[in-house]
Amino acid sequence: MTTRHWALTLCRSAGFEPDVRFESTDLLLHLRLVEQGHAAALLPDLVWDGRPATVPLQQLPHGGQARRLFTAIRRGRGRHPAIQACRRALREAVGASGPPRAR
């Protein structure tokens, strides 16, 4: 499922059809549009990078909030130190992430 399809489905299940005026894969652009009052956006917690949120936050409805992250490597490279470090960093980031504190 694409991000766009997921967002449309989420909005429709909440009872409204979103008025999509901007579309970009750049999450920081999404954040800037929200900060300037030009848009609402669905942003992952990782966009805050441990900093307090700069915009008002709303929790999503329960369900459908999980994301799976996969890494792919060439056969036999799973023990390479760089691969292990990257995977460890991803696990730590997921473990350390939580909802950012709103200002």
PDB file of N, CA and C in Angstrom:
ATOM      1  N   MET A   1       0.849  -1.174   0.000  1.00  0.00           N
ATOM      2  CA  MET A   1       0.000   0.000   0.000  1.00  0.00           C
ATOM      3  C   MET A   1       0.896   1.240   0.000  1.00  0.00           C
ATOM      4  N   THR A   2       0.621   2.179  -0.879  1.00  0.00           N
ATOM      5  CA  THR A   2       1.395   3.409  -0.929  1.00  0.00           C
ATOM      6  C   THR A   2       0.994   4.319   0.228  1.00  0.00           C
ATOM      7  N   THR A   3       1.840   5.265   0.521  1.00  0.00           N
ATOM      8  CA  THR A   3       1.545   6.227   1.582  1.00  0.00           C
ATOM      9  C   THR A   3       0.294   7.023   1.241  1.00  0.00           C
ATOM     10  N   ARG A   4       0.181   7.415  -0.020  1.00  0.00           N
ATOM     11  CA  ARG A   4      -1.006   8.181  -0.443  1.00  0.00           C
ATOM     12  C   ARG A   4      -2.282   7.361  -0.219  1.00  0.00           C
ATOM     13  N   HIS A   5      -2.258   6.109  -0.627  1.00  0.00           N
ATOM     14  CA  HIS A   5      -3.434   5.240  -0.458  1.00  0.00           C
ATOM     15  C   HIS A   5      -3.756   5.065   1.021  1.00  0.00           C
ATOM     16  N   TRP A   6      -2.732   4.871   1.843  1.00  0.00           N
ATOM     17  CA  TRP A   6      -2.941   4.719   3.283  1.00  0.00           C
ATOM     18  C   TRP A   6      -3.588   5.978   3.862  1.00  0.00           C
ATOM     19  N   ALA A   7      -3.078   7.159   3.485  1.00  0.00           N
ATOM     20  CA  ALA A   7      -3.607   8.414   4.023  1.00  0.00           C
ATOM     21  C   ALA A   7      -5.050   8.642   3.577  1.00  0.00           C
ATOM     22  N   LEU A   8      -5.336   8.368   2.305  1.00  0.00           N
ATOM     23  CA  LEU A   8      -6.709   8.522   1.818  1.00  0.00           C
ATOM     24  C   LEU A   8      -7.663   7.571   2.540  1.00  0.00           C
ATOM     25  N   THR A   9      -7.232   6.349   2.721  1.00  0.00           N
ATOM     26  CA  THR A   9      -8.047   5.360   3.426  1.00  0.00           C
ATOM     27  C   THR A   9      -8.303   5.795   4.867  1.00  0.00           C
ATOM     28  N   LEU A  10      -7.274   6.300   5.530  1.00  0.00           N
ATOM     29  CA  LEU A  10      -7.415   6.766   6.914  1.00  0.00           C
ATOM     30  C   LEU A  10      -8.418   7.909   7.005  1.00  0.00           C
ATOM     31  N   CYS A  11      -8.305   8.886   6.102  1.00  0.00           N
ATOM     32  CA  CYS A  11      -9.234  10.021   6.113  1.00  0.00           C
ATOM     33  C   CYS A  11     -10.661   9.569   5.824  1.00  0.00           C
ATOM     34  N   ARG A  12     -10.814   8.720   4.826  1.00  0.00           N
ATOM     35  CA  ARG A  12     -12.154   8.251   4.472  1.00  0.00           C
ATOM     36  C   ARG A  12     -12.783   7.442   5.597  1.00  0.00           C
ATOM     37  N   SER A  13     -11.973   6.644   6.299  1.00  0.00           N
ATOM     38  CA  SER A  13     -12.520   5.870   7.417  1.00  0.00           C
ATOM     39  C   SER A  13     -12.898   6.774   8.580  1.00  0.00           C
ATOM     40  N   ALA A  14     -12.302   7.985   8.622  1.00  0.00           N
ATOM     41  CA  ALA A  14     -12.670   8.959   9.654  1.00  0.00           C
ATOM     42  C   ALA A  14     -13.884   9.783   9.227  1.00  0.00           C
ATOM     43  N   GLY A  15     -14.364   9.551   7.990  1.00  0.00           N
ATOM     44  CA  GLY A  15     -15.603  10.188   7.569  1.00  0.00           C
ATOM     45  C   GLY A  15     -15.460  11.421   6.703  1.00  0.00           C
ATOM     46  N   PHE A  16     -14.286  11.650   6.127  1.00  0.00           N
ATOM     47  CA  PHE A  16     -14.175  12.819   5.242  1.00  0.00           C
ATOM     48  C   PHE A  16     -13.251  12.520   4.067  1.00  0.00           C
ATOM     49  N   GLU A  17     -13.443  13.293   3.014  1.00  0.00           N
ATOM     50  CA  GLU A  17     -12.607  13.205   1.815  1.00  0.00           C
ATOM     51  C   GLU A  17     -11.583  14.332   1.894  1.00  0.00           C
ATOM     52  N   PRO A  18     -10.286  14.010   1.922  1.00  0.00           N
ATOM     53  CA  PRO A  18      -9.280  15.064   2.052  1.00  0.00           C
ATOM     54  C   PRO A  18      -9.177  15.916   0.787  1.00  0.00           C
ATOM     55  N   ASP A  19      -8.884  17.189   0.969  1.00  0.00           N
ATOM     56  CA  ASP A  19      -8.661  18.123  -0.136  1.00  0.00           C
ATOM     57  C   ASP A  19      -7.143  18.217  -0.326  1.00  0.00           C
ATOM     58  N   VAL A  20      -6.593  17.374  -1.189  1.00  0.00           N
ATOM     59  CA  VAL A  20      -5.144  17.287  -1.370  1.00  0.00           C
ATOM     60  C   VAL A  20      -4.697  18.392  -2.315  1.00  0.00           C
ATOM     61  N   ARG A  21      -3.886  19.323  -1.789  1.00  0.00           N
ATOM     62  CA  ARG A  21      -3.387  20.431  -2.606  1.00  0.00           C
ATOM     63  C   ARG A  21      -1.883  20.372  -2.821  1.00  0.00           C
ATOM     64  N   PHE A  22      -1.194  19.627  -2.000  1.00  0.00           N
ATOM     65  CA  PHE A  22       0.251  19.477  -2.118  1.00  0.00           C
ATOM     66  C   PHE A  22       0.575  17.996  -2.078  1.00  0.00           C
ATOM     67  N   GLU A  23       1.570  17.607  -2.818  1.00  0.00           N
ATOM     68  CA  GLU A  23       2.013  16.223  -2.784  1.00  0.00           C
ATOM     69  C   GLU A  23       3.525  16.201  -2.968  1.00  0.00           C
ATOM     70  N   SER A  24       4.212  15.565  -2.029  1.00  0.00           N
ATOM     71  CA  SER A  24       5.671  15.481  -2.095  1.00  0.00           C
ATOM     72  C   SER A  24       6.124  14.313  -1.227  1.00  0.00           C
ATOM     73  N   THR A  25       7.257  13.736  -1.591  1.00  0.00           N
ATOM     74  CA  THR A  25       7.854  12.696  -0.756  1.00  0.00           C
ATOM     75  C   THR A  25       8.774  13.292   0.299  1.00  0.00           C
ATOM     76  N   ASP A  26       8.975  14.600   0.279  1.00  0.00           N
ATOM     77  CA  ASP A  26       9.880  15.289   1.206  1.00  0.00           C
ATOM     78  C   ASP A  26       9.141  15.598   2.511  1.00  0.00           C
ATOM     79  N   LEU A  27       9.451  14.831   3.563  1.00  0.00           N
ATOM     80  CA  LEU A  27       8.746  15.014   4.839  1.00  0.00           C
ATOM     81  C   LEU A  27       9.027  16.361   5.476  1.00  0.00           C
ATOM     82  N   LEU A  28      10.214  16.914   5.254  1.00  0.00           N
ATOM     83  CA  LEU A  28      10.507  18.235   5.815  1.00  0.00           C
ATOM     84  C   LEU A  28       9.683  19.319   5.124  1.00  0.00           C
ATOM     85  N   LEU A  29       9.393  19.144   3.838  1.00  0.00           N
ATOM     86  CA  LEU A  29       8.491  20.073   3.152  1.00  0.00           C
ATOM     87  C   LEU A  29       7.099  19.978   3.763  1.00  0.00           C
ATOM     88  N   HIS A  30       6.638  18.767   4.034  1.00  0.00           N
ATOM     89  CA  HIS A  30       5.335  18.590   4.698  1.00  0.00           C
ATOM     90  C   HIS A  30       5.327  19.371   6.012  1.00  0.00           C
ATOM     91  N   LEU A  31       6.375  19.196   6.797  1.00  0.00           N
ATOM     92  CA  LEU A  31       6.454  19.864   8.097  1.00  0.00           C
ATOM     93  C   LEU A  31       6.438  21.385   7.933  1.00  0.00           C
ATOM     94  N   ARG A  32       7.203  21.911   6.986  1.00  0.00           N
ATOM     95  CA  ARG A  32       7.246  23.367   6.778  1.00  0.00           C
ATOM     96  C   ARG A  32       5.873  23.901   6.348  1.00  0.00           C
ATOM     97  N   LEU A  33       5.162  23.170   5.486  1.00  0.00           N
ATOM     98  CA  LEU A  33       3.827  23.591   5.077  1.00  0.00           C
ATOM     99  C   LEU A  33       2.885  23.661   6.274  1.00  0.00           C
ATOM    100  N   VAL A  34       2.992  22.690   7.176  1.00  0.00           N
ATOM    101  CA  VAL A  34       2.160  22.701   8.387  1.00  0.00           C
ATOM    102  C   VAL A  34       2.565  23.864   9.291  1.00  0.00           C
ATOM    103  N   GLU A  35       3.868  24.055   9.502  1.00  0.00           N
ATOM    104  CA  GLU A  35       4.343  25.146  10.364  1.00  0.00           C
ATOM    105  C   GLU A  35       3.887  26.515   9.862  1.00  0.00           C
ATOM    106  N   GLN A  36       3.789  26.680   8.539  1.00  0.00           N
ATOM    107  CA  GLN A  36       3.371  27.955   7.956  1.00  0.00           C
ATOM    108  C   GLN A  36       1.852  28.089   7.844  1.00  0.00           C
ATOM    109  N   GLY A  37       1.130  27.056   8.266  1.00  0.00           N
ATOM    110  CA  GLY A  37      -0.321  27.111   8.247  1.00  0.00           C
ATOM    111  C   GLY A  37      -0.954  26.829   6.889  1.00  0.00           C
ATOM    112  N   HIS A  38      -0.201  26.208   5.978  1.00  0.00           N
ATOM    113  CA  HIS A  38      -0.706  25.937   4.639  1.00  0.00           C
ATOM    114  C   HIS A  38      -1.271  24.529   4.479  1.00  0.00           C
ATOM    115  N   ALA A  39      -1.054  23.656   5.447  1.00  0.00           N
ATOM    116  CA  ALA A  39      -1.469  22.268   5.261  1.00  0.00           C
ATOM    117  C   ALA A  39      -1.578  21.555   6.603  1.00  0.00           C
ATOM    118  N   ALA A  40      -2.229  20.412   6.542  1.00  0.00           N
ATOM    119  CA  ALA A  40      -2.189  19.430   7.621  1.00  0.00           C
ATOM    120  C   ALA A  40      -1.436  18.246   7.035  1.00  0.00           C
ATOM    121  N   ALA A  41      -0.773  17.464   7.862  1.00  0.00           N
ATOM    122  CA  ALA A  41       0.037  16.371   7.334  1.00  0.00           C
ATOM    123  C   ALA A  41       0.053  15.198   8.301  1.00  0.00           C
ATOM    124  N   LEU A  42       0.285  14.025   7.747  1.00  0.00           N
ATOM    125  CA  LEU A  42       0.512  12.818   8.531  1.00  0.00           C
ATOM    126  C   LEU A  42       2.023  12.585   8.522  1.00  0.00           C
ATOM    127  N   LEU A  43       2.657  12.794   9.659  1.00  0.00           N
ATOM    128  CA  LEU A  43       4.119  12.722   9.752  1.00  0.00           C
ATOM    129  C   LEU A  43       4.537  11.642  10.735  1.00  0.00           C
ATOM    130  N   PRO A  44       5.596  10.914  10.432  1.00  0.00           N
ATOM    131  CA  PRO A  44       6.095   9.914  11.385  1.00  0.00           C
ATOM    132  C   PRO A  44       6.810  10.590  12.548  1.00  0.00           C
ATOM    133  N   ASP A  45       6.821   9.932  13.700  1.00  0.00           N
ATOM    134  CA  ASP A  45       7.501  10.479  14.874  1.00  0.00           C
ATOM    135  C   ASP A  45       8.972  10.762  14.621  1.00  0.00           C
ATOM    136  N   LEU A  46       9.589  10.003  13.732  1.00  0.00           N
ATOM    137  CA  LEU A  46      11.021  10.177  13.479  1.00  0.00           C
ATOM    138  C   LEU A  46      11.358  11.536  12.889  1.00  0.00           C
ATOM    139  N   VAL A  47      10.379  12.272  12.358  1.00  0.00           N
ATOM    140  CA  VAL A  47      10.656  13.588  11.787  1.00  0.00           C
ATOM    141  C   VAL A  47      11.116  14.569  12.872  1.00  0.00           C
ATOM    142  N   TRP A  48      10.768  14.290  14.116  1.00  0.00           N
ATOM    143  CA  TRP A  48      11.135  15.198  15.206  1.00  0.00           C
ATOM    144  C   TRP A  48      12.548  14.943  15.715  1.00  0.00           C
ATOM    145  N   ASP A  49      13.087  13.768  15.478  1.00  0.00           N
ATOM    146  CA  ASP A  49      14.468  13.441  15.861  1.00  0.00           C
ATOM    147  C   ASP A  49      14.744  13.765  17.334  1.00  0.00           C
ATOM    148  N   GLY A  50      13.780  13.448  18.202  1.00  0.00           N
ATOM    149  CA  GLY A  50      13.969  13.657  19.630  1.00  0.00           C
ATOM    150  C   GLY A  50      13.707  15.075  20.108  1.00  0.00           C
ATOM    151  N   ARG A  51      13.428  15.997  19.192  1.00  0.00           N
ATOM    152  CA  ARG A  51      13.150  17.392  19.571  1.00  0.00           C
ATOM    153  C   ARG A  51      11.662  17.556  19.870  1.00  0.00           C
ATOM    154  N   PRO A  52      11.313  18.597  20.618  1.00  0.00           N
ATOM    155  CA  PRO A  52       9.883  18.856  20.845  1.00  0.00           C
ATOM    156  C   PRO A  52       9.190  19.200  19.524  1.00  0.00           C
ATOM    157  N   ALA A  53       7.937  18.849  19.414  1.00  0.00           N
ATOM    158  CA  ALA A  53       7.163  19.155  18.211  1.00  0.00           C
ATOM    159  C   ALA A  53       6.996  20.661  18.065  1.00  0.00           C
ATOM    160  N   THR A  54       6.988  21.138  16.824  1.00  0.00           N
ATOM    161  CA  THR A  54       6.845  22.570  16.549  1.00  0.00           C
ATOM    162  C   THR A  54       5.430  22.927  16.094  1.00  0.00           C
ATOM    163  N   VAL A  55       4.559  21.933  16.022  1.00  0.00           N
ATOM    164  CA  VAL A  55       3.168  22.138  15.604  1.00  0.00           C
ATOM    165  C   VAL A  55       2.265  21.334  16.536  1.00  0.00           C
ATOM    166  N   PRO A  56       0.991  21.702  16.631  1.00  0.00           N
ATOM    167  CA  PRO A  56       0.072  20.893  17.448  1.00  0.00           C
ATOM    168  C   PRO A  56      -0.051  19.488  16.855  1.00  0.00           C
ATOM    169  N   LEU A  57      -0.078  18.494  17.714  1.00  0.00           N
ATOM    170  CA  LEU A  57      -0.158  17.104  17.280  1.00  0.00           C
ATOM    171  C   LEU A  57      -1.500  16.495  17.673  1.00  0.00           C
ATOM    172  N   GLN A  58      -1.995  15.616  16.817  1.00  0.00           N
ATOM    173  CA  GLN A  58      -3.204  14.853  17.084  1.00  0.00           C
ATOM    174  C   GLN A  58      -2.853  13.386  16.919  1.00  0.00           C
ATOM    175  N   GLN A  59      -3.361  12.553  17.793  1.00  0.00           N
ATOM    176  CA  GLN A  59      -3.140  11.124  17.669  1.00  0.00           C
ATOM    177  C   GLN A  59      -4.026  10.569  16.562  1.00  0.00           C
ATOM    178  N   LEU A  60      -3.508   9.604  15.830  1.00  0.00           N
ATOM    179  CA  LEU A  60      -4.307   8.912  14.826  1.00  0.00           C
ATOM    180  C   LEU A  60      -5.263   7.961  15.515  1.00  0.00           C
ATOM    181  N   PRO A  61      -6.364   7.617  14.838  1.00  0.00           N
ATOM    182  CA  PRO A  61      -7.256   6.607  15.411  1.00  0.00           C
ATOM    183  C   PRO A  61      -6.491   5.303  15.615  1.00  0.00           C
ATOM    184  N   HIS A  62      -6.914   4.517  16.566  1.00  0.00           N
ATOM    185  CA  HIS A  62      -6.239   3.246  16.840  1.00  0.00           C
ATOM    186  C   HIS A  62      -6.326   2.323  15.636  1.00  0.00           C
ATOM    187  N   GLY A  63      -5.262   1.540  15.473  1.00  0.00           N
ATOM    188  CA  GLY A  63      -5.224   0.582  14.371  1.00  0.00           C
ATOM    189  C   GLY A  63      -4.522   1.171  13.162  1.00  0.00           C
ATOM    190  N   GLY A  64      -3.774   0.347  12.469  1.00  0.00           N
ATOM    191  CA  GLY A  64      -3.126   0.780  11.241  1.00  0.00           C
ATOM    192  C   GLY A  64      -1.963   1.727  11.428  1.00  0.00           C
ATOM    193  N   GLN A  65      -1.435   1.840  12.643  1.00  0.00           N
ATOM    194  CA  GLN A  65      -0.356   2.777  12.895  1.00  0.00           C
ATOM    195  C   GLN A  65       1.018   2.115  12.868  1.00  0.00           C
ATOM    196  N   ALA A  66       1.072   0.849  12.597  1.00  0.00           N
ATOM    197  CA  ALA A  66       2.356   0.143  12.616  1.00  0.00           C
ATOM    198  C   ALA A  66       3.027   0.227  11.255  1.00  0.00           C
ATOM    199  N   ARG A  67       4.314   0.170  11.270  1.00  0.00           N
ATOM    200  CA  ARG A  67       5.093   0.167  10.044  1.00  0.00           C
ATOM    201  C   ARG A  67       6.139  -0.922  10.166  1.00  0.00           C
ATOM    202  N   ARG A  68       6.365  -1.635   9.091  1.00  0.00           N
ATOM    203  CA  ARG A  68       7.418  -2.642   9.064  1.00  0.00           C
ATOM    204  C   ARG A  68       8.577  -2.089   8.260  1.00  0.00           C
ATOM    205  N   LEU A  69       9.749  -2.301   8.780  1.00  0.00           N
ATOM    206  CA  LEU A  69      10.956  -1.847   8.107  1.00  0.00           C
ATOM    207  C   LEU A  69      11.820  -3.066   7.828  1.00  0.00           C
ATOM    208  N   PHE A  70      12.192  -3.230   6.588  1.00  0.00           N
ATOM    209  CA  PHE A  70      13.014  -4.356   6.182  1.00  0.00           C
ATOM    210  C   PHE A  70      14.350  -3.839   5.674  1.00  0.00           C
ATOM    211  N   THR A  71      15.392  -4.600   5.913  1.00  0.00           N
ATOM    212  CA  THR A  71      16.679  -4.315   5.283  1.00  0.00           C
ATOM    213  C   THR A  71      17.000  -5.495   4.381  1.00  0.00           C
ATOM    214  N   ALA A  72      17.645  -5.211   3.283  1.00  0.00           N
ATOM    215  CA  ALA A  72      18.015  -6.264   2.335  1.00  0.00           C
ATOM    216  C   ALA A  72      19.515  -6.165   2.055  1.00  0.00           C
ATOM    217  N   ILE A  73      20.155  -7.305   2.066  1.00  0.00           N
ATOM    218  CA  ILE A  73      21.591  -7.354   1.811  1.00  0.00           C
ATOM    219  C   ILE A  73      21.897  -8.515   0.881  1.00  0.00           C
ATOM    220  N   ARG A  74      23.101  -8.512   0.361  1.00  0.00           N
ATOM    221  CA  ARG A  74      23.522  -9.653  -0.444  1.00  0.00           C
ATOM    222  C   ARG A  74      23.771 -10.841   0.472  1.00  0.00           C
ATOM    223  N   ARG A  75      23.539 -12.013  -0.047  1.00  0.00           N
ATOM    224  CA  ARG A  75      23.754 -13.246   0.693  1.00  0.00           C
ATOM    225  C   ARG A  75      25.182 -13.271   1.265  1.00  0.00           C
ATOM    226  N   GLY A  76      25.302 -13.663   2.517  1.00  0.00           N
ATOM    227  CA  GLY A  76      26.600 -13.816   3.156  1.00  0.00           C
ATOM    228  C   GLY A  76      27.176 -12.540   3.736  1.00  0.00           C
ATOM    229  N   ARG A  77      26.471 -11.393   3.602  1.00  0.00           N
ATOM    230  CA  ARG A  77      27.012 -10.122   4.105  1.00  0.00           C
ATOM    231  C   ARG A  77      26.402  -9.705   5.438  1.00  0.00           C
ATOM    232  N   GLY A  78      25.554 -10.537   6.015  1.00  0.00           N
ATOM    233  CA  GLY A  78      24.860 -10.171   7.249  1.00  0.00           C
ATOM    234  C   GLY A  78      25.755  -9.947   8.444  1.00  0.00           C
ATOM    235  N   ARG A  79      26.950 -10.487   8.420  1.00  0.00           N
ATOM    236  CA  ARG A  79      27.873 -10.300   9.554  1.00  0.00           C
ATOM    237  C   ARG A  79      28.846  -9.144   9.332  1.00  0.00           C
ATOM    238  N   HIS A  80      28.733  -8.453   8.215  1.00  0.00           N
ATOM    239  CA  HIS A  80      29.621  -7.315   7.953  1.00  0.00           C
ATOM    240  C   HIS A  80      29.378  -6.248   9.018  1.00  0.00           C
ATOM    241  N   PRO A  81      30.453  -5.662   9.592  1.00  0.00           N
ATOM    242  CA  PRO A  81      30.288  -4.682  10.674  1.00  0.00           C
ATOM    243  C   PRO A  81      29.395  -3.495  10.310  1.00  0.00           C
ATOM    244  N   ALA A  82      29.482  -3.015   9.078  1.00  0.00           N
ATOM    245  CA  ALA A  82      28.643  -1.873   8.690  1.00  0.00           C
ATOM    246  C   ALA A  82      27.174  -2.259   8.652  1.00  0.00           C
ATOM    247  N   ILE A  83      26.876  -3.453   8.174  1.00  0.00           N
ATOM    248  CA  ILE A  83      25.490  -3.928   8.129  1.00  0.00           C
ATOM    249  C   ILE A  83      24.957  -4.093   9.542  1.00  0.00           C
ATOM    250  N   GLN A  84      25.752  -4.709  10.400  1.00  0.00           N
ATOM    251  CA  GLN A  84      25.325  -4.898  11.786  1.00  0.00           C
ATOM    252  C   GLN A  84      25.122  -3.555  12.483  1.00  0.00           C
ATOM    253  N   ALA A  85      26.019  -2.585  12.229  1.00  0.00           N
ATOM    254  CA  ALA A  85      25.890  -1.258  12.857  1.00  0.00           C
ATOM    255  C   ALA A  85      24.621  -0.557  12.380  1.00  0.00           C
ATOM    256  N   CYS A  86      24.341  -0.657  11.096  1.00  0.00           N
ATOM    257  CA  CYS A  86      23.133  -0.029  10.549  1.00  0.00           C
ATOM    258  C   CYS A  86      21.882  -0.649  11.155  1.00  0.00           C
ATOM    259  N   ARG A  87      21.825  -1.952  11.202  1.00  0.00           N
ATOM    260  CA  ARG A  87      20.654  -2.618  11.771  1.00  0.00           C
ATOM    261  C   ARG A  87      20.508  -2.321  13.257  1.00  0.00           C
ATOM    262  N   ARG A  88      21.625  -2.257  13.972  1.00  0.00           N
ATOM    263  CA  ARG A  88      21.577  -1.924  15.396  1.00  0.00           C
ATOM    264  C   ARG A  88      21.041  -0.497  15.585  1.00  0.00           C
ATOM    265  N   ALA A  89      21.513   0.433  14.755  1.00  0.00           N
ATOM    266  CA  ALA A  89      21.039   1.819  14.844  1.00  0.00           C
ATOM    267  C   ALA A  89      19.541   1.914  14.563  1.00  0.00           C
ATOM    268  N   LEU A  90      19.057   1.152  13.601  1.00  0.00           N
ATOM    269  CA  LEU A  90      17.626   1.147  13.318  1.00  0.00           C
ATOM    270  C   LEU A  90      16.830   0.614  14.497  1.00  0.00           C
ATOM    271  N   ARG A  91      17.308  -0.493  15.093  1.00  0.00           N
ATOM    272  CA  ARG A  91      16.608  -1.060  16.260  1.00  0.00           C
ATOM    273  C   ARG A  91      16.593  -0.062  17.419  1.00  0.00           C
ATOM    274  N   GLU A  92      17.726   0.616  17.653  1.00  0.00           N
ATOM    275  CA  GLU A  92      17.798   1.593  18.744  1.00  0.00           C
ATOM    276  C   GLU A  92      16.882   2.783  18.478  1.00  0.00           C
ATOM    277  N   ALA A  93      16.826   3.233  17.220  1.00  0.00           N
ATOM    278  CA  ALA A  93      15.964   4.364  16.890  1.00  0.00           C
ATOM    279  C   ALA A  93      14.498   4.019  17.112  1.00  0.00           C
ATOM    280  N   VAL A  94      14.121   2.822  16.746  1.00  0.00           N
ATOM    281  CA  VAL A  94      12.733   2.396  16.949  1.00  0.00           C
ATOM    282  C   VAL A  94      12.460   2.260  18.440  1.00  0.00           C
ATOM    283  N   GLY A  95      13.401   1.713  19.186  1.00  0.00           N
ATOM    284  CA  GLY A  95      13.220   1.550  20.621  1.00  0.00           C
ATOM    285  C   GLY A  95      13.173   2.864  21.368  1.00  0.00           C
ATOM    286  N   ALA A  96      13.917   3.859  20.886  1.00  0.00           N
ATOM    287  CA  ALA A  96      13.995   5.142  21.560  1.00  0.00           C
ATOM    288  C   ALA A  96      12.881   6.095  21.132  1.00  0.00           C
ATOM    289  N   SER A  97      12.235   5.772  20.009  1.00  0.00           N
ATOM    290  CA  SER A  97      11.221   6.705  19.511  1.00  0.00           C
ATOM    291  C   SER A  97       9.958   6.582  20.344  1.00  0.00           C
ATOM    292  N   GLY A  98       9.362   7.685  20.512  1.00  0.00           N
ATOM    293  CA  GLY A  98       8.083   7.790  21.186  1.00  0.00           C
ATOM    294  C   GLY A  98       7.453   9.056  20.711  1.00  0.00           C
ATOM    295  N   PRO A  99       6.235   9.320  21.076  1.00  0.00           N
ATOM    296  CA  PRO A  99       5.620  10.551  20.608  1.00  0.00           C
ATOM    297  C   PRO A  99       6.384  11.775  21.101  1.00  0.00           C
ATOM    298  N   PRO A 100       6.665  12.736  20.235  1.00  0.00           N
ATOM    299  CA  PRO A 100       7.377  13.921  20.671  1.00  0.00           C
ATOM    300  C   PRO A 100       6.495  14.757  21.587  1.00  0.00           C
ATOM    301  N   ARG A 101       7.130  15.530  22.417  1.00  0.00           N
ATOM    302  CA  ARG A 101       6.378  16.409  23.321  1.00  0.00           C
ATOM    303  C   ARG A 101       5.982  17.668  22.568  1.00  0.00           C
ATOM    304  N   ALA A 102       4.717  18.025  22.623  1.00  0.00           N
ATOM    305  CA  ALA A 102       4.252  19.255  21.978  1.00  0.00           C
ATOM    306  C   ALA A 102       4.713  20.455  22.797  1.00  0.00           C
ATOM    307  N   ARG A 103       4.937  21.571  22.118  1.00  0.00           N
ATOM    308  CA  ARG A 103       5.337  22.785  22.819  1.00  0.00           C
ATOM    309  C   ARG A 103       4.157  23.412  23.512  1.00  0.00           C
TER     310      ARG A 103
END
